[in-house]
Structure formats: C-alpha cells, structure tokens
Amino acid sequence: MELSSTQKRRYNRHLILERFGREGQTRLLQSKVLIVGAGGLGSPVALYLAAAGVGTLGLVDGDQVSLTNLQRQVIHSTPDVGRPKVDSAEEKLRAINPDVTIVKHEVYLSEDNALDIIRPYDFVIDGTDNFATKYLVNDACVMLSKAFCMGGISRYSGQVMTHLPGTACYRCLFPEPPEIADVETCSTVGVLGSIAGMLGTVQATEAIKCLAGVGEPLCNALLTFDALTMDWQRFDFPKNEDCALCGAHPTITRLKEYAFKPCSKKI
C-alpha cells in the first residue's frame, strides 16, 4: 500500500517510530475495528484510533447523548445533547481524520445481532457499562475467533484485559456474571470522569499494538487501576481449559443475553 504525501505527513510520528514504521501504519490503514459503546471508554478509544489511522471504525450504540454523559464522554459536547451518540461521534471522528471510514450501528448489541455485527471486523473494543453486553462481546468474539479488548470503570477504578484467539477469555476469569442485586452501574454509584480517559487510552493502545504487530498484548492478564492511590496492578492468569466457552470441551455454543440493562440516559 503506497502512502500519499498527506498520509506521510499525518502519520510521520508513526513512520519514524522504531518497530512500527511504514509496515505498522499500513496494517492500521487496512484494519477494521468495532467499538461497542460510544460512551466513557469508547470516546477516547474512537478518538485515538481515528487519529492513528485505523481504516474502518464501526460504532455500536443505540443511545442518545444526555447531559450527564458529558462529565466523561469527551467525544460529545453540549450541543449534542439529544442526538444519537453514533452521529455525534461520527462528526468528531471525521473532523480528526476524514480518511477513516465510519460505519454506524445505531442499535444495542443483542444475542440476535451480535454475530452479524462483529463478523466483518478484525478487532473489537468493549467500552460498555453493563454485564449483558460484556458477556455478549466476549462470547461472540470467541465464537468468531476475533481479538478483543474489554474495559470497565466504576467509582475510582477500572480494569482492562485483551483476548487473542487461543488465550484466556473473560469467562476464564469470570465464568458467570454476578447476581443482579450485586451489579453496580455508573448511574447508581458514580464514576470519576477522568479514569474513562486513562483506561480508554489503554484499550486504544492494545488495539493499535495488536493490529500493527508491535509489542506484547495484555493477554492472560487483567490490568487494574486505582485513581485514589494511582496504583496500576497486573494480575496474570492462565487460560482455563475447563472454560465453558473457550475450553477443551465447551458447553456454551450459542449466544445468551443476560438480563442486565445499560445505564438509563434519563438519570
């Protein structure tokens, strides 16, 4: 793939970067990434992947921008309140890099559409705030042999993990979701807005590394962050050969949607 003179200037800092260079940039330009959730985590992910030159960005979100989103969802602004999040995000991403193809999926991911939506993409980012979607992303990606990075934030903390085919999946660490009564969401316990940027940029970096073929992805590990102490901790764990989804003898062979719901945009 021959880069244009404009692309050479735009991506100059990647092109001169040791171990990245033209090959890494070309791989980014030819890649397709799906971002599930155009909210707190999805905002920095989308902004940085567009700036980096990922060729196609898919955005999945059926919600509209609300005033309470603006404390952490930095891809949206005050005039966007009431607009579909995918429309608001598309506008900002095209302004950053008009060469990026934006594919909008103005829906919530479900057991009925997850496989079809995810199938065309090379890498998937989960930036959602509910367990129903996290398990759908995990299960659909494993079934389709897709790489993904999963993130979550709550209160003052966050966590990130990456899966490549053959490595541990989310169910290896958390086989089943918690009881509904134990589930916390941003609308019930709050979240420090800035940690969305800190964890989202980690997710964007993981996607760029995997797509460009540089570095070691955060596989078979969970990275956690505590904003109150500024502590980052990495917990390594093996792939579970008895995992019901990705183990040697899987028992989960079709998607199942759990009964958790996203944070209400009206709160």
C-alpha atoms as a PDB file:
ATOM      1  CA  MET A   1       0.000   0.000   0.000  1.00  0.00           C
ATOM      2  CA  GLU A   2       1.532   3.299  -1.124  1.00  0.00           C
ATOM      3  CA  LEU A   3       1.011   6.194   1.274  1.00  0.00           C
ATOM      4  CA  SER A   4       0.045   9.567  -0.146  1.00  0.00           C
ATOM      5  CA  SER A   5       2.131  12.627   0.639  1.00  0.00           C
ATOM      6  CA  THR A   6      -0.612  13.796   3.013  1.00  0.00           C
ATOM      7  CA  GLN A   7      -0.630  10.460   4.815  1.00  0.00           C
ATOM      8  CA  LYS A   8       3.155  10.547   5.154  1.00  0.00           C
ATOM      9  CA  ARG A   9       2.881  13.897   6.909  1.00  0.00           C
ATOM     10  CA  ARG A  10      -0.133  12.932   9.001  1.00  0.00           C
ATOM     11  CA  TYR A  11       1.393   9.679  10.268  1.00  0.00           C
ATOM     12  CA  ASN A  12       5.013  10.870  10.373  1.00  0.00           C
ATOM     13  CA  ARG A  13       5.483  10.088  14.074  1.00  0.00           C
ATOM     14  CA  HIS A  14       4.401   6.519  13.462  1.00  0.00           C
ATOM     15  CA  LEU A  15       6.505   6.162  10.333  1.00  0.00           C
ATOM     16  CA  ILE A  16       9.706   7.155  12.154  1.00  0.00           C
ATOM     17  CA  LEU A  17       8.853   5.077  15.218  1.00  0.00           C
ATOM     18  CA  GLU A  18      11.199   2.125  15.704  1.00  0.00           C
ATOM     19  CA  ARG A  19       9.431  -1.259  15.202  1.00  0.00           C
ATOM     20  CA  PHE A  20       6.337   0.488  13.847  1.00  0.00           C
ATOM     21  CA  GLY A  21       7.208   2.313  10.650  1.00  0.00           C
ATOM     22  CA  ARG A  22       5.504   2.002   7.281  1.00  0.00           C
ATOM     23  CA  GLU A  23       4.531  -1.641   7.818  1.00  0.00           C
ATOM     24  CA  GLY A  24       2.713  -0.933  11.066  1.00  0.00           C
ATOM     25  CA  GLN A  25       0.942   2.096   9.639  1.00  0.00           C
ATOM     26  CA  THR A  26      -0.126   0.210   6.538  1.00  0.00           C
ATOM     27  CA  ARG A  27      -1.595  -2.525   8.699  1.00  0.00           C
ATOM     28  CA  LEU A  28      -3.588   0.078  10.636  1.00  0.00           C
ATOM     29  CA  LEU A  29      -4.892   1.672   7.453  1.00  0.00           C
ATOM     30  CA  GLN A  30      -6.113  -1.706   6.235  1.00  0.00           C
ATOM     31  CA  SER A  31      -7.731  -2.756   9.529  1.00  0.00           C
ATOM     32  CA  LYS A  32     -11.304  -2.655  10.811  1.00  0.00           C
ATOM     33  CA  VAL A  33     -12.112  -2.049  14.470  1.00  0.00           C
ATOM     34  CA  LEU A  34     -15.536  -2.249  16.108  1.00  0.00           C
ATOM     35  CA  ILE A  35     -16.144  -0.085  19.188  1.00  0.00           C
ATOM     36  CA  VAL A  36     -19.100  -1.256  21.259  1.00  0.00           C
ATOM     37  CA  GLY A  37     -20.307   1.740  23.225  1.00  0.00           C
ATOM     38  CA  ALA A  38     -19.660   5.368  22.232  1.00  0.00           C
ATOM     39  CA  GLY A  39     -19.507   6.498  25.843  1.00  0.00           C
ATOM     40  CA  GLY A  40     -16.856   6.987  28.515  1.00  0.00           C
ATOM     41  CA  LEU A  41     -14.391   4.355  27.317  1.00  0.00           C
ATOM     42  CA  GLY A  42     -15.470   4.393  23.684  1.00  0.00           C
ATOM     43  CA  SER A  43     -14.826   8.142  23.403  1.00  0.00           C
ATOM     44  CA  PRO A  44     -11.030   8.121  23.878  1.00  0.00           C
ATOM     45  CA  VAL A  45     -10.768   4.798  22.058  1.00  0.00           C
ATOM     46  CA  ALA A  46     -12.508   6.175  18.971  1.00  0.00           C
ATOM     47  CA  LEU A  47     -10.623   9.477  19.012  1.00  0.00           C
ATOM     48  CA  TYR A  48      -7.201   7.855  19.241  1.00  0.00           C
ATOM     49  CA  LEU A  49      -7.911   5.091  16.740  1.00  0.00           C
ATOM     50  CA  ALA A  50      -9.185   7.628  14.216  1.00  0.00           C
ATOM     51  CA  ALA A  51      -6.131   9.810  14.777  1.00  0.00           C
ATOM     52  CA  ALA A  52      -3.863   6.755  14.416  1.00  0.00           C
ATOM     53  CA  GLY A  53      -5.315   5.942  11.008  1.00  0.00           C
ATOM     54  CA  VAL A  54      -7.359   2.799  11.562  1.00  0.00           C
ATOM     55  CA  GLY A  55      -9.006   2.304   8.169  1.00  0.00           C
ATOM     56  CA  THR A  56     -12.542   1.487   9.302  1.00  0.00           C
ATOM     57  CA  LEU A  57     -14.170   2.240  12.641  1.00  0.00           C
ATOM     58  CA  GLY A  58     -17.508   0.687  13.488  1.00  0.00           C
ATOM     59  CA  LEU A  59     -19.555   2.327  16.244  1.00  0.00           C
ATOM     60  CA  VAL A  60     -22.264   0.392  18.100  1.00  0.00           C
ATOM     61  CA  ASP A  61     -24.575   2.410  20.346  1.00  0.00           C
ATOM     62  CA  GLY A  62     -28.344   2.795  20.418  1.00  0.00           C
ATOM     63  CA  ASP A  63     -28.344   5.604  22.969  1.00  0.00           C
ATOM     64  CA  GLN A  64     -28.627   9.379  22.698  1.00  0.00           C
ATOM     65  CA  VAL A  65     -26.322  11.935  24.294  1.00  0.00           C
ATOM     66  CA  SER A  66     -27.529  13.179  27.691  1.00  0.00           C
ATOM     67  CA  LEU A  67     -26.201  15.977  29.860  1.00  0.00           C
ATOM     68  CA  THR A  68     -24.901  13.510  32.458  1.00  0.00           C
ATOM     69  CA  ASN A  69     -22.729  11.866  29.780  1.00  0.00           C
ATOM     70  CA  LEU A  70     -20.613  14.978  29.237  1.00  0.00           C
ATOM     71  CA  GLN A  71     -18.688  14.597  32.505  1.00  0.00           C
ATOM     72  CA  ARG A  72     -16.679  11.723  30.969  1.00  0.00           C
ATOM     73  CA  GLN A  73     -17.787  11.042  27.375  1.00  0.00           C
ATOM     74  CA  VAL A  74     -15.420  13.527  25.757  1.00  0.00           C
ATOM     75  CA  ILE A  75     -16.322  12.781  22.145  1.00  0.00           C
ATOM     76  CA  HIS A  76     -19.667  14.531  22.746  1.00  0.00           C
ATOM     77  CA  SER A  77     -20.333  18.191  23.575  1.00  0.00           C
ATOM     78  CA  THR A  78     -23.196  20.268  24.937  1.00  0.00           C
ATOM     79  CA  PRO A  79     -24.872  20.934  21.562  1.00  0.00           C
ATOM     80  CA  ASP A  80     -25.003  17.156  21.005  1.00  0.00           C
ATOM     81  CA  VAL A  81     -27.463  16.530  23.865  1.00  0.00           C
ATOM     82  CA  GLY A  82     -30.401  14.614  22.413  1.00  0.00           C
ATOM     83  CA  ARG A  83     -28.521  13.442  19.308  1.00  0.00           C
ATOM     84  CA  PRO A  84     -27.739   9.766  18.645  1.00  0.00           C
ATOM     85  CA  LYS A  85     -24.313   9.025  20.054  1.00  0.00           C
ATOM     86  CA  VAL A  86     -23.164   7.402  16.818  1.00  0.00           C
ATOM     87  CA  ASP A  87     -23.999  10.581  14.873  1.00  0.00           C
ATOM     88  CA  SER A  88     -22.229  12.820  17.358  1.00  0.00           C
ATOM     89  CA  ALA A  89     -19.166  10.564  17.423  1.00  0.00           C
ATOM     90  CA  GLU A  90     -19.027  10.279  13.634  1.00  0.00           C
ATOM     91  CA  GLU A  91     -18.915  14.072  13.284  1.00  0.00           C
ATOM     92  CA  LYS A  92     -15.909  14.396  15.618  1.00  0.00           C
ATOM     93  CA  LEU A  93     -14.049  11.471  14.076  1.00  0.00           C
ATOM     94  CA  ARG A  94     -14.426  12.802  10.530  1.00  0.00           C
ATOM     95  CA  ALA A  95     -13.073  16.147  11.719  1.00  0.00           C
ATOM     96  CA  ILE A  96      -9.995  14.416  13.148  1.00  0.00           C
ATOM     97  CA  ASN A  97      -9.301  12.200  10.148  1.00  0.00           C
ATOM     98  CA  PRO A  98     -11.538  12.329   7.053  1.00  0.00           C
ATOM     99  CA  ASP A  99      -9.757   9.298   5.584  1.00  0.00           C
ATOM    100  CA  VAL A 100     -11.268   6.955   8.173  1.00  0.00           C
ATOM    101  CA  THR A 101     -14.404   5.081   7.119  1.00  0.00           C
ATOM    102  CA  ILE A 102     -17.084   5.291   9.825  1.00  0.00           C
ATOM    103  CA  VAL A 103     -19.746   2.571   9.994  1.00  0.00           C
ATOM    104  CA  LYS A 104     -22.610   3.380  12.348  1.00  0.00           C
ATOM    105  CA  HIS A 105     -24.670   0.697  14.083  1.00  0.00           C
ATOM    106  CA  GLU A 106     -27.384   2.643  15.920  1.00  0.00           C
ATOM    107  CA  VAL A 107     -28.529  -0.339  17.954  1.00  0.00           C
ATOM    108  CA  TYR A 108     -27.754  -2.064  21.221  1.00  0.00           C
ATOM    109  CA  LEU A 109     -25.788  -5.268  20.836  1.00  0.00           C
ATOM    110  CA  SER A 110     -28.030  -8.295  21.418  1.00  0.00           C
ATOM    111  CA  GLU A 111     -27.981 -12.049  21.018  1.00  0.00           C
ATOM    112  CA  ASP A 112     -29.830 -11.561  17.726  1.00  0.00           C
ATOM    113  CA  ASN A 113     -27.379  -9.138  16.079  1.00  0.00           C
ATOM    114  CA  ALA A 114     -24.006  -9.574  17.811  1.00  0.00           C
ATOM    115  CA  LEU A 115     -22.521 -12.194  15.494  1.00  0.00           C
ATOM    116  CA  ASP A 116     -23.546 -10.371  12.320  1.00  0.00           C
ATOM    117  CA  ILE A 117     -22.277  -7.001  13.561  1.00  0.00           C
ATOM    118  CA  ILE A 118     -18.937  -8.305  14.848  1.00  0.00           C
ATOM    119  CA  ARG A 119     -18.119 -10.672  11.967  1.00  0.00           C
ATOM    120  CA  PRO A 120     -16.619  -8.133   9.466  1.00  0.00           C
ATOM    121  CA  TYR A 121     -14.152  -6.614  11.966  1.00  0.00           C
ATOM    122  CA  ASP A 122     -10.559  -7.503  12.848  1.00  0.00           C
ATOM    123  CA  PHE A 123     -10.583  -6.255  16.419  1.00  0.00           C
ATOM    124  CA  VAL A 124     -13.373  -5.407  18.889  1.00  0.00           C
ATOM    125  CA  ILE A 125     -13.317  -2.931  21.769  1.00  0.00           C
ATOM    126  CA  ASP A 126     -15.841  -3.333  24.570  1.00  0.00           C
ATOM    127  CA  GLY A 127     -16.479   0.016  26.248  1.00  0.00           C
ATOM    128  CA  THR A 128     -19.887  -0.721  27.723  1.00  0.00           C
ATOM    129  CA  ASP A 129     -21.246  -0.260  31.228  1.00  0.00           C
ATOM    130  CA  ASN A 130     -23.251  -3.463  31.671  1.00  0.00           C
ATOM    131  CA  PHE A 131     -22.547  -7.157  32.037  1.00  0.00           C
ATOM    132  CA  ALA A 132     -25.095  -8.248  29.442  1.00  0.00           C
ATOM    133  CA  THR A 133     -23.098  -6.646  26.651  1.00  0.00           C
ATOM    134  CA  LYS A 134     -19.700  -7.613  28.039  1.00  0.00           C
ATOM    135  CA  TYR A 135     -20.603 -11.299  28.000  1.00  0.00           C
ATOM    136  CA  LEU A 136     -22.141 -10.935  24.532  1.00  0.00           C
ATOM    137  CA  VAL A 137     -18.941  -9.341  23.213  1.00  0.00           C
ATOM    138  CA  ASN A 138     -16.787 -11.982  24.856  1.00  0.00           C
ATOM    139  CA  ASP A 139     -18.885 -14.924  23.714  1.00  0.00           C
ATOM    140  CA  ALA A 140     -19.441 -13.693  20.160  1.00  0.00           C
ATOM    141  CA  CYS A 141     -15.755 -12.847  19.672  1.00  0.00           C
ATOM    142  CA  VAL A 142     -14.617 -16.255  20.933  1.00  0.00           C
ATOM    143  CA  MET A 143     -17.147 -17.995  18.696  1.00  0.00           C
ATOM    144  CA  LEU A 144     -15.931 -15.960  15.706  1.00  0.00           C
ATOM    145  CA  SER A 145     -12.211 -16.219  16.637  1.00  0.00           C
ATOM    146  CA  LYS A 146     -11.942 -12.430  16.943  1.00  0.00           C
ATOM    147  CA  ALA A 147      -9.469 -10.461  19.034  1.00  0.00           C
ATOM    148  CA  PHE A 148     -10.936  -8.027  21.537  1.00  0.00           C
ATOM    149  CA  CYS A 149     -10.092  -5.733  24.441  1.00  0.00           C
ATOM    150  CA  MET A 150     -12.534  -5.409  27.316  1.00  0.00           C
ATOM    151  CA  GLY A 151     -12.630  -2.493  29.739  1.00  0.00           C
ATOM    152  CA  GLY A 152     -14.702  -1.417  32.692  1.00  0.00           C
ATOM    153  CA  ILE A 153     -14.796   1.555  35.071  1.00  0.00           C
ATOM    154  CA  SER A 154     -16.672   2.275  38.295  1.00  0.00           C
ATOM    155  CA  ARG A 155     -16.222   4.755  41.118  1.00  0.00           C
ATOM    156  CA  TYR A 156     -12.439   5.432  41.181  1.00  0.00           C
ATOM    157  CA  SER A 157     -11.164   2.282  39.496  1.00  0.00           C
ATOM    158  CA  GLY A 158     -11.022   0.448  36.207  1.00  0.00           C
ATOM    159  CA  GLN A 159      -9.763  -2.711  34.553  1.00  0.00           C
ATOM    160  CA  VAL A 160      -8.672  -3.889  31.124  1.00  0.00           C
ATOM    161  CA  MET A 161      -7.935  -7.264  29.521  1.00  0.00           C
ATOM    162  CA  THR A 162      -7.157  -8.349  25.966  1.00  0.00           C
ATOM    163  CA  HIS A 163      -8.052 -11.602  24.243  1.00  0.00           C
ATOM    164  CA  LEU A 164      -6.476 -13.075  21.148  1.00  0.00           C
ATOM    165  CA  PRO A 165      -7.725 -16.414  19.773  1.00  0.00           C
ATOM    166  CA  GLY A 166      -6.257 -19.186  21.908  1.00  0.00           C
ATOM    167  CA  THR A 167      -5.736 -17.044  25.022  1.00  0.00           C
ATOM    168  CA  ALA A 168      -7.898 -16.694  28.127  1.00  0.00           C
ATOM    169  CA  CYS A 169     -11.308 -15.136  27.623  1.00  0.00           C
ATOM    170  CA  TYR A 170     -13.431 -13.114  30.047  1.00  0.00           C
ATOM    171  CA  ARG A 171     -15.214 -16.272  31.205  1.00  0.00           C
ATOM    172  CA  CYS A 172     -11.887 -17.872  32.161  1.00  0.00           C
ATOM    173  CA  LEU A 173     -11.692 -15.245  34.897  1.00  0.00           C
ATOM    174  CA  PHE A 174     -15.397 -14.586  35.493  1.00  0.00           C
ATOM    175  CA  PRO A 175     -17.315 -17.708  34.406  1.00  0.00           C
ATOM    176  CA  GLU A 176     -20.740 -16.190  35.081  1.00  0.00           C
ATOM    177  CA  PRO A 177     -21.990 -12.643  35.681  1.00  0.00           C
ATOM    178  CA  PRO A 178     -22.768 -11.540  39.240  1.00  0.00           C
ATOM    179  CA  GLU A 179     -26.232 -11.582  40.700  1.00  0.00           C
ATOM    180  CA  ILE A 180     -28.386  -8.688  39.506  1.00  0.00           C
ATOM    181  CA  ALA A 181     -28.616  -7.340  43.069  1.00  0.00           C
ATOM    182  CA  ASP A 182     -24.816  -7.072  43.221  1.00  0.00           C
ATOM    183  CA  VAL A 183     -24.405  -5.132  39.989  1.00  0.00           C
ATOM    184  CA  GLU A 184     -23.254  -1.520  40.236  1.00  0.00           C
ATOM    185  CA  THR A 185     -23.580   0.963  37.368  1.00  0.00           C
ATOM    186  CA  CYS A 186     -22.308   4.478  36.827  1.00  0.00           C
ATOM    187  CA  SER A 187     -25.809   5.820  37.409  1.00  0.00           C
ATOM    188  CA  THR A 188     -26.032   4.287  40.890  1.00  0.00           C
ATOM    189  CA  VAL A 189     -22.527   4.670  42.380  1.00  0.00           C
ATOM    190  CA  GLY A 190     -20.880   7.321  40.196  1.00  0.00           C
ATOM    191  CA  VAL A 191     -17.563   7.353  38.377  1.00  0.00           C
ATOM    192  CA  LEU A 192     -14.608   9.723  38.283  1.00  0.00           C
ATOM    193  CA  GLY A 193     -14.780  11.028  34.732  1.00  0.00           C
ATOM    194  CA  SER A 194     -11.063  11.193  34.019  1.00  0.00           C
ATOM    195  CA  ILE A 195     -10.481   7.468  34.559  1.00  0.00           C
ATOM    196  CA  ALA A 196     -12.514   6.811  31.417  1.00  0.00           C
ATOM    197  CA  GLY A 197      -9.726   8.514  29.506  1.00  0.00           C
ATOM    198  CA  MET A 198      -6.988   6.610  31.327  1.00  0.00           C
ATOM    199  CA  LEU A 199      -8.490   3.169  30.726  1.00  0.00           C
ATOM    200  CA  GLY A 200      -9.820   4.010  27.253  1.00  0.00           C
ATOM    201  CA  THR A 201      -6.382   5.013  26.031  1.00  0.00           C
ATOM    202  CA  VAL A 202      -5.035   1.701  27.310  1.00  0.00           C
ATOM    203  CA  GLN A 203      -7.669  -0.072  25.229  1.00  0.00           C
ATOM    204  CA  ALA A 204      -6.805   2.005  22.162  1.00  0.00           C
ATOM    205  CA  THR A 205      -3.126   1.190  22.654  1.00  0.00           C
ATOM    206  CA  GLU A 206      -3.888  -2.516  22.899  1.00  0.00           C
ATOM    207  CA  ALA A 207      -5.806  -2.377  19.612  1.00  0.00           C
ATOM    208  CA  ILE A 208      -3.034  -0.466  17.851  1.00  0.00           C
ATOM    209  CA  LYS A 209      -0.370  -2.880  19.115  1.00  0.00           C
ATOM    210  CA  CYS A 210      -2.296  -5.949  18.005  1.00  0.00           C
ATOM    211  CA  LEU A 211      -3.182  -4.536  14.591  1.00  0.00           C
ATOM    212  CA  ALA A 212       0.265  -3.118  13.861  1.00  0.00           C
ATOM    213  CA  GLY A 213       2.064  -6.185  15.186  1.00  0.00           C
ATOM    214  CA  VAL A 214       4.193  -4.491  17.832  1.00  0.00           C
ATOM    215  CA  GLY A 215       4.726  -5.275  21.491  1.00  0.00           C
ATOM    216  CA  GLU A 216       3.018  -7.813  23.708  1.00  0.00           C
ATOM    217  CA  PRO A 217      -0.774  -7.610  24.155  1.00  0.00           C
ATOM    218  CA  LEU A 218      -2.359  -7.825  27.596  1.00  0.00           C
ATOM    219  CA  CYS A 219      -3.419 -11.447  27.163  1.00  0.00           C
ATOM    220  CA  ASN A 220      -3.905 -13.905  30.018  1.00  0.00           C
ATOM    221  CA  ALA A 221      -3.824 -10.930  32.361  1.00  0.00           C
ATOM    222  CA  LEU A 222      -6.036  -8.309  33.982  1.00  0.00           C
ATOM    223  CA  LEU A 223      -4.719  -4.757  34.390  1.00  0.00           C
ATOM    224  CA  THR A 224      -6.371  -2.761  37.170  1.00  0.00           C
ATOM    225  CA  PHE A 225      -6.124   0.899  38.115  1.00  0.00           C
ATOM    226  CA  ASP A 226      -6.999   2.733  41.333  1.00  0.00           C
ATOM    227  CA  ALA A 227      -7.202   6.505  40.916  1.00  0.00           C
ATOM    228  CA  LEU A 228      -7.170   7.157  44.665  1.00  0.00           C
ATOM    229  CA  THR A 229      -3.691   5.653  45.034  1.00  0.00           C
ATOM    230  CA  MET A 230      -2.532   5.891  41.389  1.00  0.00           C
ATOM    231  CA  ASP A 231      -1.684   2.184  41.553  1.00  0.00           C
ATOM    232  CA  TRP A 232      -1.596   0.033  38.424  1.00  0.00           C
ATOM    233  CA  GLN A 233      -1.554  -3.711  39.051  1.00  0.00           C
ATOM    234  CA  ARG A 234      -1.294  -6.609  36.636  1.00  0.00           C
ATOM    235  CA  PHE A 235      -2.753  -9.971  37.565  1.00  0.00           C
ATOM    236  CA  ASP A 236      -1.681 -12.860  35.340  1.00  0.00           C
ATOM    237  CA  PHE A 237      -3.956 -15.859  34.997  1.00  0.00           C
ATOM    238  CA  PRO A 238      -3.911 -18.902  32.687  1.00  0.00           C
ATOM    239  CA  LYS A 239      -6.432 -19.898  30.079  1.00  0.00           C
ATOM    240  CA  ASN A 240      -8.943 -22.198  31.764  1.00  0.00           C
ATOM    241  CA  GLU A 241      -9.042 -25.461  29.847  1.00  0.00           C
ATOM    242  CA  ASP A 242     -12.351 -26.191  31.577  1.00  0.00           C
ATOM    243  CA  CYS A 243     -13.885 -22.874  30.496  1.00  0.00           C
ATOM    244  CA  ALA A 244     -17.452 -23.413  29.331  1.00  0.00           C
ATOM    245  CA  LEU A 245     -16.808 -21.186  26.306  1.00  0.00           C
ATOM    246  CA  CYS A 246     -13.176 -21.485  25.168  1.00  0.00           C
ATOM    247  CA  GLY A 247     -12.075 -24.654  26.977  1.00  0.00           C
ATOM    248  CA  ALA A 248     -11.323 -28.063  25.557  1.00  0.00           C
ATOM    249  CA  HIS A 249     -14.958 -29.159  25.775  1.00  0.00           C
ATOM    250  CA  PRO A 250     -17.162 -26.055  25.520  1.00  0.00           C
ATOM    251  CA  THR A 251     -20.762 -26.220  26.666  1.00  0.00           C
ATOM    252  CA  ILE A 252     -21.673 -22.674  25.629  1.00  0.00           C
ATOM    253  CA  THR A 253     -22.268 -22.933  21.901  1.00  0.00           C
ATOM    254  CA  ARG A 254     -24.788 -20.165  21.272  1.00  0.00           C
ATOM    255  CA  LEU A 255     -25.223 -16.606  22.489  1.00  0.00           C
ATOM    256  CA  LYS A 256     -27.229 -15.963  25.626  1.00  0.00           C
ATOM    257  CA  GLU A 257     -28.237 -12.437  26.607  1.00  0.00           C
ATOM    258  CA  TYR A 258     -28.332 -11.742  30.328  1.00  0.00           C
ATOM    259  CA  ALA A 259     -30.971  -9.503  31.890  1.00  0.00           C
ATOM    260  CA  PHE A 260     -28.755  -6.516  32.744  1.00  0.00           C
ATOM    261  CA  LYS A 261     -29.582  -3.157  31.195  1.00  0.00           C
ATOM    262  CA  PRO A 262     -27.414  -0.153  30.286  1.00  0.00           C
ATOM    263  CA  CYS A 263     -27.384   2.972  32.429  1.00  0.00           C
ATOM    264  CA  SER A 264     -30.501   4.989  31.717  1.00  0.00           C
ATOM    265  CA  LYS A 265     -29.828   8.109  29.690  1.00  0.00           C
ATOM    266  CA  LYS A 266     -32.579   9.836  31.690  1.00  0.00           C
ATOM    267  CA  ILE A 267     -30.765   9.625  35.019  1.00  0.00           C
END
